[in-house]
Amino acid sequence: MRKKLQKAIKPLLKSLFFLCLVSVLAFGHTDGALAARSGGRIGGGSFRVPSSRPYSSPRTYAPPGGGYGGGYYAPYPGGGFGFPFLLPFWGIGGGFGSLLSILVFFAIANFLVRSFRRVSSGESPVGDTSNPSVSVNRLQVGLLASARDLQNELNYIAETADTNSPEGRAEVLQETSLALLRHPEYWVYAGAGNQQVRLNAAEAQFNRLSLAERSKFTEETLSNVNNQLKEATPKDALPAAGELDNPTRLITSGPGEYIIVTLLAATLGKYQLPEINNADDLRQALRQFGSIPGEQLLAMEVLWTPQAKGDTLTSDDVLAEYPDLKLV
């Protein structure tokens, strides 16, 4: 009886196993299709040590000998010895210091105050110009997918930008910020971050942020990095809406709902973006990004997705890949 039951169940188990295998393969392919995301990239720059003016040591003046008391020199009038380094205004004998000593005292005080302010504000102290402080900033904006004009503007910037010069890279940030400022009615999400590091660690931090964003793309279908323009051929690009080989793909993947634009910049000195809580904060942050001067900008990148025609980015994708963004 048991053998007969096993013979009857065995074909059913094989059929069930076959159905499970087909389902796994089918859903696995669908997930791969859903994860396909095209991206655009504009960037360039270098993290070289900024050139500084050569420093020449100040001239020293050696006063003549023959001072008071058999060879000791008293630079301050008044009775008794004068100790200019310990008591710049008052000699032991009670005389006032000269006008020169007063000026020297104020110069030293001014130097100490400025040095203290530099250290407290995060700037490099004097003598540490070979490894100055660098700000690595990231600004992300999520827009409704109906802002198709923005994608066209970003494509045009990528195709025409000079990313091999400081002025050209600053212009890319300016034009991208301006394009985003022109479409406030499409703003939905936003987020910003800032990290203060030294120059010798800035490149690694910048690359980490860049790779984290680029890893969310399946393919960079358009890029201009250091004037190296690359564009995916129609064969390699994702299919357009009217060229889908699978009629059910449009239903399963959902409509294209959002566009995510990421701006990265590494700048010399302290450069703090505001915390993004509303549209006004985002507007201020975009203006700050667009006003970064070329001589202060070490490196920059502009990344956006989707880039290819017919690609999609749904609300589920935004929540999964960009959990730090806030509603504005």
C-alpha atoms as a PDB file:
ATOM      1  CA  MET A   1       0.000   0.000   0.000  1.00  0.00           C
ATOM      2  CA  ARG A   2       2.796   2.380   0.899  1.00  0.00           C
ATOM      3  CA  LYS A   3       4.649   1.647  -2.341  1.00  0.00           C
ATOM      4  CA  LYS A   4       1.539   2.355  -4.384  1.00  0.00           C
ATOM      5  CA  LEU A   5       1.072   5.652  -2.552  1.00  0.00           C
ATOM      6  CA  GLN A   6       4.687   6.657  -3.196  1.00  0.00           C
ATOM      7  CA  LYS A   7       4.336   5.840  -6.897  1.00  0.00           C
ATOM      8  CA  ALA A   8       1.218   7.990  -7.079  1.00  0.00           C
ATOM      9  CA  ILE A   9       2.780  10.968  -5.249  1.00  0.00           C
ATOM     10  CA  LYS A  10       6.147  10.889  -7.030  1.00  0.00           C
ATOM     11  CA  PRO A  11       4.876  12.330 -10.365  1.00  0.00           C
ATOM     12  CA  LEU A  12       3.041  15.055  -8.455  1.00  0.00           C
ATOM     13  CA  LEU A  13       6.223  16.019  -6.604  1.00  0.00           C
ATOM     14  CA  LYS A  14       8.145  16.223  -9.865  1.00  0.00           C
ATOM     15  CA  SER A  15       5.487  18.460 -11.363  1.00  0.00           C
ATOM     16  CA  LEU A  16       5.469  20.674  -8.271  1.00  0.00           C
ATOM     17  CA  PHE A  17       9.262  20.963  -8.332  1.00  0.00           C
ATOM     18  CA  PHE A  18       9.189  21.886 -12.015  1.00  0.00           C
ATOM     19  CA  LEU A  19       6.585  24.598 -11.405  1.00  0.00           C
ATOM     20  CA  CYS A  20       8.613  26.057  -8.530  1.00  0.00           C
ATOM     21  CA  LEU A  21      11.739  26.142 -10.676  1.00  0.00           C
ATOM     22  CA  VAL A  22       9.937  27.921 -13.498  1.00  0.00           C
ATOM     23  CA  SER A  23       8.453  30.437 -11.049  1.00  0.00           C
ATOM     24  CA  VAL A  24      11.842  31.216  -9.528  1.00  0.00           C
ATOM     25  CA  LEU A  25      13.389  31.786 -12.937  1.00  0.00           C
ATOM     26  CA  ALA A  26      10.482  33.908 -14.113  1.00  0.00           C
ATOM     27  CA  PHE A  27      10.356  36.131 -11.033  1.00  0.00           C
ATOM     28  CA  GLY A  28      14.123  36.375 -10.949  1.00  0.00           C
ATOM     29  CA  HIS A  29      14.099  37.736 -14.503  1.00  0.00           C
ATOM     30  CA  THR A  30      11.328  40.154 -13.626  1.00  0.00           C
ATOM     31  CA  ASP A  31      13.279  41.488 -10.640  1.00  0.00           C
ATOM     32  CA  GLY A  32      16.268  42.041 -12.877  1.00  0.00           C
ATOM     33  CA  ALA A  33      14.104  43.987 -15.284  1.00  0.00           C
ATOM     34  CA  LEU A  34      12.679  46.070 -12.472  1.00  0.00           C
ATOM     35  CA  ALA A  35      16.164  46.799 -11.123  1.00  0.00           C
ATOM     36  CA  ALA A  36      17.381  48.104 -14.489  1.00  0.00           C
ATOM     37  CA  ARG A  37      18.100  51.821 -14.047  1.00  0.00           C
ATOM     38  CA  SER A  38      19.896  54.098 -16.471  1.00  0.00           C
ATOM     39  CA  GLY A  39      21.945  57.005 -15.196  1.00  0.00           C
ATOM     40  CA  GLY A  40      23.742  60.105 -16.392  1.00  0.00           C
ATOM     41  CA  ARG A  41      26.997  61.473 -14.992  1.00  0.00           C
ATOM     42  CA  ILE A  42      28.934  64.733 -15.341  1.00  0.00           C
ATOM     43  CA  GLY A  43      32.120  65.283 -13.362  1.00  0.00           C
ATOM     44  CA  GLY A  44      35.788  66.048 -13.089  1.00  0.00           C
ATOM     45  CA  GLY A  45      38.494  67.586 -10.954  1.00  0.00           C
ATOM     46  CA  SER A  46      41.578  66.672  -8.963  1.00  0.00           C
ATOM     47  CA  PHE A  47      42.686  66.685  -5.339  1.00  0.00           C
ATOM     48  CA  ARG A  48      46.109  68.216  -5.795  1.00  0.00           C
ATOM     49  CA  VAL A  49      47.703  70.297  -3.074  1.00  0.00           C
ATOM     50  CA  PRO A  50      46.839  73.933  -3.820  1.00  0.00           C
ATOM     51  CA  SER A  51      49.804  76.100  -4.715  1.00  0.00           C
ATOM     52  CA  SER A  52      50.842  78.683  -2.164  1.00  0.00           C
ATOM     53  CA  ARG A  53      53.097  81.712  -2.291  1.00  0.00           C
ATOM     54  CA  PRO A  54      56.680  81.133  -1.172  1.00  0.00           C
ATOM     55  CA  TYR A  55      57.298  82.230   2.356  1.00  0.00           C
ATOM     56  CA  SER A  56      60.370  84.315   3.203  1.00  0.00           C
ATOM     57  CA  SER A  57      61.495  84.709   6.760  1.00  0.00           C
ATOM     58  CA  PRO A  58      61.311  88.270   8.085  1.00  0.00           C
ATOM     59  CA  ARG A  59      64.478  90.249   8.415  1.00  0.00           C
ATOM     60  CA  THR A  60      65.878  90.597  11.890  1.00  0.00           C
ATOM     61  CA  TYR A  61      67.480  93.709  13.252  1.00  0.00           C
ATOM     62  CA  ALA A  62      70.422  93.376  15.612  1.00  0.00           C
ATOM     63  CA  PRO A  63      70.795  96.508  17.717  1.00  0.00           C
ATOM     64  CA  PRO A  64      74.305  97.814  18.369  1.00  0.00           C
ATOM     65  CA  GLY A  65      76.067  96.928  21.585  1.00  0.00           C
ATOM     66  CA  GLY A  66      77.128  99.295  24.325  1.00  0.00           C
ATOM     67  CA  GLY A  67      73.887  99.458  26.202  1.00  0.00           C
ATOM     68  CA  TYR A  68      73.357 100.355  29.762  1.00  0.00           C
ATOM     69  CA  GLY A  69      75.312  98.501  32.403  1.00  0.00           C
ATOM     70  CA  GLY A  70      78.435  97.438  30.565  1.00  0.00           C
ATOM     71  CA  GLY A  71      77.235  95.839  27.342  1.00  0.00           C
ATOM     72  CA  TYR A  72      73.518  95.269  28.079  1.00  0.00           C
ATOM     73  CA  TYR A  73      71.150  97.078  25.761  1.00  0.00           C
ATOM     74  CA  ALA A  74      68.033  98.722  27.125  1.00  0.00           C
ATOM     75  CA  PRO A  75      65.618  99.478  24.237  1.00  0.00           C
ATOM     76  CA  TYR A  76      63.074 101.169  26.471  1.00  0.00           C
ATOM     77  CA  PRO A  77      63.664 104.508  28.123  1.00  0.00           C
ATOM     78  CA  GLY A  78      63.401 104.811  31.811  1.00  0.00           C
ATOM     79  CA  GLY A  79      65.584 103.932  34.720  1.00  0.00           C
ATOM     80  CA  GLY A  80      66.804 100.376  35.021  1.00  0.00           C
ATOM     81  CA  PHE A  81      66.758  97.420  32.657  1.00  0.00           C
ATOM     82  CA  GLY A  82      63.987  96.992  30.096  1.00  0.00           C
ATOM     83  CA  PHE A  83      62.742  93.521  29.178  1.00  0.00           C
ATOM     84  CA  PRO A  84      60.801  93.994  25.911  1.00  0.00           C
ATOM     85  CA  PHE A  85      59.693  90.363  25.557  1.00  0.00           C
ATOM     86  CA  LEU A  86      58.407  89.991  29.090  1.00  0.00           C
ATOM     87  CA  LEU A  87      57.191  93.501  29.814  1.00  0.00           C
ATOM     88  CA  PRO A  88      56.606  95.264  26.497  1.00  0.00           C
ATOM     89  CA  PHE A  89      55.130  98.409  28.024  1.00  0.00           C
ATOM     90  CA  TRP A  90      56.951  98.830  31.277  1.00  0.00           C
ATOM     91  CA  GLY A  91      60.598  98.570  32.093  1.00  0.00           C
ATOM     92  CA  ILE A  92      61.844  97.561  35.502  1.00  0.00           C
ATOM     93  CA  GLY A  93      62.861 101.093  36.109  1.00  0.00           C
ATOM     94  CA  GLY A  94      59.301 102.325  35.520  1.00  0.00           C
ATOM     95  CA  GLY A  95      59.605 103.872  32.046  1.00  0.00           C
ATOM     96  CA  PHE A  96      56.918 103.486  29.358  1.00  0.00           C
ATOM     97  CA  GLY A  97      57.711 101.476  26.251  1.00  0.00           C
ATOM     98  CA  SER A  98      58.201 103.121  22.933  1.00  0.00           C
ATOM     99  CA  LEU A  99      55.565 103.390  20.213  1.00  0.00           C
ATOM    100  CA  LEU A 100      57.274 100.571  18.339  1.00  0.00           C
ATOM    101  CA  SER A 101      56.799  98.182  21.246  1.00  0.00           C
ATOM    102  CA  ILE A 102      53.085  99.031  21.373  1.00  0.00           C
ATOM    103  CA  LEU A 103      52.706  98.256  17.665  1.00  0.00           C
ATOM    104  CA  VAL A 104      54.575  94.971  18.075  1.00  0.00           C
ATOM    105  CA  PHE A 105      52.310  93.995  20.957  1.00  0.00           C
ATOM    106  CA  PHE A 106      49.138  94.652  18.956  1.00  0.00           C
ATOM    107  CA  ALA A 107      50.552  92.739  15.979  1.00  0.00           C
ATOM    108  CA  ILE A 108      51.216  89.700  18.180  1.00  0.00           C
ATOM    109  CA  ALA A 109      47.758  89.947  19.752  1.00  0.00           C
ATOM    110  CA  ASN A 110      46.129  90.191  16.325  1.00  0.00           C
ATOM    111  CA  PHE A 111      48.064  87.136  15.134  1.00  0.00           C
ATOM    112  CA  LEU A 112      46.943  85.094  18.139  1.00  0.00           C
ATOM    113  CA  VAL A 113      43.293  86.113  17.722  1.00  0.00           C
ATOM    114  CA  ARG A 114      43.286  85.240  14.014  1.00  0.00           C
ATOM    115  CA  SER A 115      44.947  81.889  14.664  1.00  0.00           C
ATOM    116  CA  PHE A 116      42.362  81.068  17.321  1.00  0.00           C
ATOM    117  CA  ARG A 117      39.521  81.948  14.953  1.00  0.00           C
ATOM    118  CA  ARG A 118      40.999  79.767  12.212  1.00  0.00           C
ATOM    119  CA  VAL A 119      41.236  76.767  14.499  1.00  0.00           C
ATOM    120  CA  SER A 120      37.752  77.260  15.966  1.00  0.00           C
ATOM    121  CA  SER A 121      36.178  77.612  12.488  1.00  0.00           C
ATOM    122  CA  GLY A 122      37.816  74.451  11.165  1.00  0.00           C
ATOM    123  CA  GLU A 123      40.260  76.161   8.820  1.00  0.00           C
ATOM    124  CA  SER A 124      43.849  75.112   8.470  1.00  0.00           C
ATOM    125  CA  PRO A 125      46.210  76.701  10.962  1.00  0.00           C
ATOM    126  CA  VAL A 126      49.175  78.677   9.744  1.00  0.00           C
ATOM    127  CA  GLY A 127      51.929  76.356   8.590  1.00  0.00           C
ATOM    128  CA  ASP A 128      49.509  73.561   7.573  1.00  0.00           C
ATOM    129  CA  THR A 129      48.750  74.765   4.042  1.00  0.00           C
ATOM    130  CA  SER A 130      49.928  71.457   2.544  1.00  0.00           C
ATOM    131  CA  ASN A 131      46.920  69.631   4.036  1.00  0.00           C
ATOM    132  CA  PRO A 132      44.062  72.149   4.279  1.00  0.00           C
ATOM    133  CA  SER A 133      40.499  71.504   5.331  1.00  0.00           C
ATOM    134  CA  VAL A 134      38.068  70.320   2.621  1.00  0.00           C
ATOM    135  CA  SER A 135      34.259  70.194   2.635  1.00  0.00           C
ATOM    136  CA  VAL A 136      32.587  67.294   0.817  1.00  0.00           C
ATOM    137  CA  ASN A 137      28.931  68.154   0.157  1.00  0.00           C
ATOM    138  CA  ARG A 138      26.064  66.144  -1.292  1.00  0.00           C
ATOM    139  CA  LEU A 139      22.681  67.523  -2.358  1.00  0.00           C
ATOM    140  CA  GLN A 140      19.879  65.330  -3.741  1.00  0.00           C
ATOM    141  CA  VAL A 141      16.588  66.409  -5.289  1.00  0.00           C
ATOM    142  CA  GLY A 142      13.677  64.138  -6.189  1.00  0.00           C
ATOM    143  CA  LEU A 143      11.300  65.493  -8.830  1.00  0.00           C
ATOM    144  CA  LEU A 144       8.156  64.257 -10.509  1.00  0.00           C
ATOM    145  CA  ALA A 145       8.847  62.432 -13.755  1.00  0.00           C
ATOM    146  CA  SER A 146       6.725  64.973 -15.618  1.00  0.00           C
ATOM    147  CA  ALA A 147       9.770  67.282 -15.492  1.00  0.00           C
ATOM    148  CA  ARG A 148      11.050  65.835 -18.777  1.00  0.00           C
ATOM    149  CA  ASP A 149      12.514  69.189 -19.778  1.00  0.00           C
ATOM    150  CA  LEU A 150      14.973  68.836 -16.908  1.00  0.00           C
ATOM    151  CA  GLN A 151      16.273  65.562 -18.327  1.00  0.00           C
ATOM    152  CA  ASN A 152      16.797  67.231 -21.693  1.00  0.00           C
ATOM    153  CA  GLU A 153      18.678  70.101 -20.031  1.00  0.00           C
ATOM    154  CA  LEU A 154      20.943  67.696 -18.138  1.00  0.00           C
ATOM    155  CA  ASN A 155      21.617  65.757 -21.336  1.00  0.00           C
ATOM    156  CA  TYR A 156      22.568  68.993 -23.103  1.00  0.00           C
ATOM    157  CA  ILE A 157      24.876  70.046 -20.252  1.00  0.00           C
ATOM    158  CA  ALA A 158      26.587  66.646 -20.352  1.00  0.00           C
ATOM    159  CA  GLU A 159      27.123  66.826 -24.109  1.00  0.00           C
ATOM    160  CA  THR A 160      28.514  70.378 -24.167  1.00  0.00           C
ATOM    161  CA  ALA A 161      30.222  70.937 -20.783  1.00  0.00           C
ATOM    162  CA  ASP A 162      33.948  71.530 -20.344  1.00  0.00           C
ATOM    163  CA  THR A 163      34.690  69.321 -17.341  1.00  0.00           C
ATOM    164  CA  ASN A 164      38.465  69.563 -17.674  1.00  0.00           C
ATOM    165  CA  SER A 165      38.844  73.093 -16.293  1.00  0.00           C
ATOM    166  CA  PRO A 166      37.877  74.666 -12.943  1.00  0.00           C
ATOM    167  CA  GLU A 167      35.770  77.296 -14.678  1.00  0.00           C
ATOM    168  CA  GLY A 168      33.923  74.687 -16.727  1.00  0.00           C
ATOM    169  CA  ARG A 169      33.173  72.525 -13.680  1.00  0.00           C
ATOM    170  CA  ALA A 170      31.886  75.534 -11.758  1.00  0.00           C
ATOM    171  CA  GLU A 171      29.663  76.356 -14.732  1.00  0.00           C
ATOM    172  CA  VAL A 172      28.235  72.814 -14.683  1.00  0.00           C
ATOM    173  CA  LEU A 173      27.186  73.241 -11.048  1.00  0.00           C
ATOM    174  CA  GLN A 174      25.769  76.665 -11.829  1.00  0.00           C
ATOM    175  CA  GLU A 175      23.739  75.485 -14.833  1.00  0.00           C
ATOM    176  CA  THR A 176      22.485  72.353 -13.042  1.00  0.00           C
ATOM    177  CA  SER A 177      21.446  74.330  -9.971  1.00  0.00           C
ATOM    178  CA  LEU A 178      19.728  76.871 -12.202  1.00  0.00           C
ATOM    179  CA  ALA A 179      17.863  74.121 -14.074  1.00  0.00           C
ATOM    180  CA  LEU A 180      16.596  72.699 -10.776  1.00  0.00           C
ATOM    181  CA  LEU A 181      15.629  76.150  -9.497  1.00  0.00           C
ATOM    182  CA  ARG A 182      13.511  76.650 -12.607  1.00  0.00           C
ATOM    183  CA  HIS A 183      11.291  73.659 -11.760  1.00  0.00           C
ATOM    184  CA  PRO A 184      10.150  74.144  -8.136  1.00  0.00           C
ATOM    185  CA  GLU A 185       6.673  72.864  -8.987  1.00  0.00           C
ATOM    186  CA  TYR A 186       8.154  69.378  -9.521  1.00  0.00           C
ATOM    187  CA  TRP A 187      10.110  69.177  -6.240  1.00  0.00           C
ATOM    188  CA  VAL A 188       9.015  66.277  -4.040  1.00  0.00           C
ATOM    189  CA  TYR A 189      12.040  64.987  -2.091  1.00  0.00           C
ATOM    190  CA  ALA A 190      15.359  66.484  -1.025  1.00  0.00           C
ATOM    191  CA  GLY A 191      18.316  65.789   1.234  1.00  0.00           C
ATOM    192  CA  ALA A 192      21.761  67.206   1.989  1.00  0.00           C
ATOM    193  CA  GLY A 193      24.914  66.097   3.758  1.00  0.00           C
ATOM    194  CA  ASN A 194      28.268  67.628   4.643  1.00  0.00           C
ATOM    195  CA  GLN A 195      31.552  66.158   5.830  1.00  0.00           C
ATOM    196  CA  GLN A 196      34.664  68.074   6.854  1.00  0.00           C
ATOM    197  CA  VAL A 197      37.944  66.265   6.161  1.00  0.00           C
ATOM    198  CA  ARG A 198      41.576  67.040   5.404  1.00  0.00           C
ATOM    199  CA  LEU A 199      42.854  67.163   1.851  1.00  0.00           C
ATOM    200  CA  ASN A 200      44.702  63.847   2.120  1.00  0.00           C
ATOM    201  CA  ALA A 201      41.404  62.085   2.971  1.00  0.00           C
ATOM    202  CA  ALA A 202      39.030  64.139   0.800  1.00  0.00           C
ATOM    203  CA  GLU A 203      39.445  62.138  -2.415  1.00  0.00           C
ATOM    204  CA  ALA A 204      38.623  58.835  -0.715  1.00  0.00           C
ATOM    205  CA  GLN A 205      35.521  60.317   0.909  1.00  0.00           C
ATOM    206  CA  PHE A 206      34.383  61.904  -2.351  1.00  0.00           C
ATOM    207  CA  ASN A 207      34.855  58.620  -4.234  1.00  0.00           C
ATOM    208  CA  ARG A 208      32.843  56.725  -1.611  1.00  0.00           C
ATOM    209  CA  LEU A 209      29.879  59.037  -2.067  1.00  0.00           C
ATOM    210  CA  SER A 210      30.173  58.878  -5.847  1.00  0.00           C
ATOM    211  CA  LEU A 211      30.368  55.076  -5.962  1.00  0.00           C
ATOM    212  CA  ALA A 212      27.412  54.773  -3.585  1.00  0.00           C
ATOM    213  CA  GLU A 213      25.246  56.745  -6.014  1.00  0.00           C
ATOM    214  CA  ARG A 214      26.608  55.184  -9.201  1.00  0.00           C
ATOM    215  CA  SER A 215      26.023  51.676  -7.845  1.00  0.00           C
ATOM    216  CA  LYS A 216      22.288  52.399  -7.987  1.00  0.00           C
ATOM    217  CA  PHE A 217      22.506  52.518 -11.792  1.00  0.00           C
ATOM    218  CA  THR A 218      22.503  49.419 -13.943  1.00  0.00           C
ATOM    219  CA  GLU A 219      24.279  51.367 -16.666  1.00  0.00           C
ATOM    220  CA  GLU A 220      25.602  54.885 -17.215  1.00  0.00           C
ATOM    221  CA  THR A 221      24.008  55.638 -20.551  1.00  0.00           C
ATOM    222  CA  LEU A 222      25.507  59.150 -20.783  1.00  0.00           C
ATOM    223  CA  SER A 223      28.642  60.490 -19.082  1.00  0.00           C
ATOM    224  CA  ASN A 224      31.105  63.347 -19.424  1.00  0.00           C
ATOM    225  CA  VAL A 225      34.017  62.997 -16.992  1.00  0.00           C
ATOM    226  CA  ASN A 226      37.134  65.122 -17.555  1.00  0.00           C
ATOM    227  CA  ASN A 227      35.919  65.853 -21.100  1.00  0.00           C
ATOM    228  CA  GLN A 228      35.584  62.134 -21.920  1.00  0.00           C
ATOM    229  CA  LEU A 229      32.101  61.938 -23.430  1.00  0.00           C
ATOM    230  CA  LYS A 230      30.546  58.464 -23.506  1.00  0.00           C
ATOM    231  CA  GLU A 231      27.062  57.549 -24.636  1.00  0.00           C
ATOM    232  CA  ALA A 232      25.441  54.131 -24.838  1.00  0.00           C
ATOM    233  CA  THR A 233      24.474  52.973 -28.315  1.00  0.00           C
ATOM    234  CA  PRO A 234      20.797  52.284 -29.015  1.00  0.00           C
ATOM    235  CA  LYS A 235      21.559  48.571 -28.852  1.00  0.00           C
ATOM    236  CA  ASP A 236      22.972  48.847 -25.335  1.00  0.00           C
ATOM    237  CA  ALA A 237      20.452  51.364 -24.061  1.00  0.00           C
ATOM    238  CA  LEU A 238      17.271  50.332 -22.308  1.00  0.00           C
ATOM    239  CA  PRO A 239      14.288  49.869 -24.670  1.00  0.00           C
ATOM    240  CA  ALA A 240      11.820  52.683 -25.112  1.00  0.00           C
ATOM    241  CA  ALA A 241       8.186  52.398 -24.089  1.00  0.00           C
ATOM    242  CA  GLY A 242       7.065  51.474 -27.609  1.00  0.00           C
ATOM    243  CA  GLU A 243       9.859  48.917 -28.085  1.00  0.00           C
ATOM    244  CA  LEU A 244       9.283  46.637 -25.114  1.00  0.00           C
ATOM    245  CA  ASP A 245       9.762  42.996 -26.035  1.00  0.00           C
ATOM    246  CA  ASN A 246       7.576  41.949 -23.117  1.00  0.00           C
ATOM    247  CA  PRO A 247       4.049  43.454 -23.254  1.00  0.00           C
ATOM    248  CA  THR A 248       3.520  42.842 -19.527  1.00  0.00           C
ATOM    249  CA  ARG A 249       6.705  44.635 -18.475  1.00  0.00           C
ATOM    250  CA  LEU A 250       5.082  48.071 -18.492  1.00  0.00           C
ATOM    251  CA  ILE A 251       2.348  46.753 -16.207  1.00  0.00           C
ATOM    252  CA  THR A 252       4.709  45.055 -13.753  1.00  0.00           C
ATOM    253  CA  SER A 253       7.282  47.840 -13.616  1.00  0.00           C
ATOM    254  CA  GLY A 254       4.767  50.642 -13.198  1.00  0.00           C
ATOM    255  CA  PRO A 255       4.872  54.172 -14.621  1.00  0.00           C
ATOM    256  CA  GLY A 256       7.909  56.425 -14.426  1.00  0.00           C
ATOM    257  CA  GLU A 257       7.125  58.597 -11.433  1.00  0.00           C
ATOM    258  CA  TYR A 258      10.314  60.318 -10.283  1.00  0.00           C
ATOM    259  CA  ILE A 259      13.682  61.738 -11.315  1.00  0.00           C
ATOM    260  CA  ILE A 260      16.542  61.844  -8.796  1.00  0.00           C
ATOM    261  CA  VAL A 261      19.368  64.367  -9.267  1.00  0.00           C
ATOM    262  CA  THR A 262      22.496  64.218  -7.078  1.00  0.00           C
ATOM    263  CA  LEU A 263      25.111  66.980  -6.815  1.00  0.00           C
ATOM    264  CA  LEU A 264      28.516  66.297  -5.241  1.00  0.00           C
ATOM    265  CA  ALA A 265      31.199  68.909  -4.594  1.00  0.00           C
ATOM    266  CA  ALA A 266      34.543  68.985  -2.787  1.00  0.00           C
ATOM    267  CA  THR A 267      35.592  72.527  -1.894  1.00  0.00           C
ATOM    268  CA  LEU A 268      38.490  74.100  -0.036  1.00  0.00           C
ATOM    269  CA  GLY A 269      37.663  75.458   3.405  1.00  0.00           C
ATOM    270  CA  LYS A 270      34.458  75.188   5.373  1.00  0.00           C
ATOM    271  CA  TYR A 271      31.338  75.085   3.208  1.00  0.00           C
ATOM    272  CA  GLN A 272      28.190  74.148   5.121  1.00  0.00           C
ATOM    273  CA  LEU A 273      24.855  73.415   3.444  1.00  0.00           C
ATOM    274  CA  PRO A 274      21.624  74.047   5.363  1.00  0.00           C
ATOM    275  CA  GLU A 275      19.543  71.163   6.638  1.00  0.00           C
ATOM    276  CA  ILE A 276      16.752  70.498   4.149  1.00  0.00           C
ATOM    277  CA  ASN A 277      13.310  70.610   5.780  1.00  0.00           C
ATOM    278  CA  ASN A 278      11.244  72.531   3.243  1.00  0.00           C
ATOM    279  CA  ALA A 279      11.331  74.123  -0.197  1.00  0.00           C
ATOM    280  CA  ASP A 280      13.008  77.299   1.085  1.00  0.00           C
ATOM    281  CA  ASP A 281      15.927  75.300   2.505  1.00  0.00           C
ATOM    282  CA  LEU A 282      16.301  73.478  -0.805  1.00  0.00           C
ATOM    283  CA  ARG A 283      16.251  76.747  -2.717  1.00  0.00           C
ATOM    284  CA  GLN A 284      19.007  78.155  -0.488  1.00  0.00           C
ATOM    285  CA  ALA A 285      21.133  75.005  -0.866  1.00  0.00           C
ATOM    286  CA  LEU A 286      20.819  75.085  -4.663  1.00  0.00           C
ATOM    287  CA  ARG A 287      21.893  78.723  -4.715  1.00  0.00           C
ATOM    288  CA  GLN A 288      24.922  77.885  -2.582  1.00  0.00           C
ATOM    289  CA  PHE A 289      25.912  75.050  -4.906  1.00  0.00           C
ATOM    290  CA  GLY A 290      25.518  77.252  -7.953  1.00  0.00           C
ATOM    291  CA  SER A 291      27.716  80.001  -6.498  1.00  0.00           C
ATOM    292  CA  ILE A 292      30.819  77.900  -5.699  1.00  0.00           C
ATOM    293  CA  PRO A 293      33.808  79.636  -7.380  1.00  0.00           C
ATOM    294  CA  GLY A 294      36.050  77.623  -9.668  1.00  0.00           C
ATOM    295  CA  GLU A 295      39.242  78.310  -7.708  1.00  0.00           C
ATOM    296  CA  GLN A 296      37.658  76.858  -4.565  1.00  0.00           C
ATOM    297  CA  LEU A 297      36.163  73.788  -6.283  1.00  0.00           C
ATOM    298  CA  LEU A 298      38.402  70.699  -6.238  1.00  0.00           C
ATOM    299  CA  ALA A 299      36.014  68.141  -7.762  1.00  0.00           C
ATOM    300  CA  MET A 300      32.332  67.824  -8.631  1.00  0.00           C
ATOM    301  CA  GLU A 301      29.807  65.369 -10.025  1.00  0.00           C
ATOM    302  CA  VAL A 302      26.217  65.592 -11.209  1.00  0.00           C
ATOM    303  CA  LEU A 303      24.326  62.284 -11.343  1.00  0.00           C
ATOM    304  CA  TRP A 304      20.738  61.692 -12.379  1.00  0.00           C
ATOM    305  CA  THR A 305      18.409  58.779 -12.979  1.00  0.00           C
ATOM    306  CA  PRO A 306      16.603  57.783 -15.111  1.00  0.00           C
ATOM    307  CA  GLN A 307      18.495  59.019 -18.147  1.00  0.00           C
ATOM    308  CA  ALA A 308      17.514  56.698 -21.011  1.00  0.00           C
ATOM    309  CA  LYS A 309      14.230  57.188 -22.795  1.00  0.00           C
ATOM    310  CA  GLY A 310      11.554  54.802 -21.554  1.00  0.00           C
ATOM    311  CA  ASP A 311      13.289  54.048 -18.241  1.00  0.00           C
ATOM    312  CA  THR A 312      11.294  54.223 -15.016  1.00  0.00           C
ATOM    313  CA  LEU A 313      11.809  55.110 -11.364  1.00  0.00           C
ATOM    314  CA  THR A 314       8.833  54.301  -9.164  1.00  0.00           C
ATOM    315  CA  SER A 315       8.010  55.394  -5.637  1.00  0.00           C
ATOM    316  CA  ASP A 316       9.075  51.962  -4.353  1.00  0.00           C
ATOM    317  CA  ASP A 317      12.467  52.452  -5.999  1.00  0.00           C
ATOM    318  CA  VAL A 318      12.878  55.844  -4.338  1.00  0.00           C
ATOM    319  CA  LEU A 319      12.011  54.473  -0.898  1.00  0.00           C
ATOM    320  CA  ALA A 320      14.385  51.530  -1.335  1.00  0.00           C
ATOM    321  CA  GLU A 321      17.388  53.345  -2.845  1.00  0.00           C
ATOM    322  CA  TYR A 322      17.042  56.822  -1.302  1.00  0.00           C
ATOM    323  CA  PRO A 323      15.674  56.336   2.227  1.00  0.00           C
ATOM    324  CA  ASP A 324      17.303  59.530   3.573  1.00  0.00           C
ATOM    325  CA  LEU A 325      15.314  61.909   1.376  1.00  0.00           C
ATOM    326  CA  LYS A 326      12.639  64.067   2.999  1.00  0.00           C
ATOM    327  CA  LEU A 327       9.402  65.439   1.610  1.00  0.00           C
ATOM    328  CA  VAL A 328       9.604  69.130   0.760  1.00  0.00           C
END
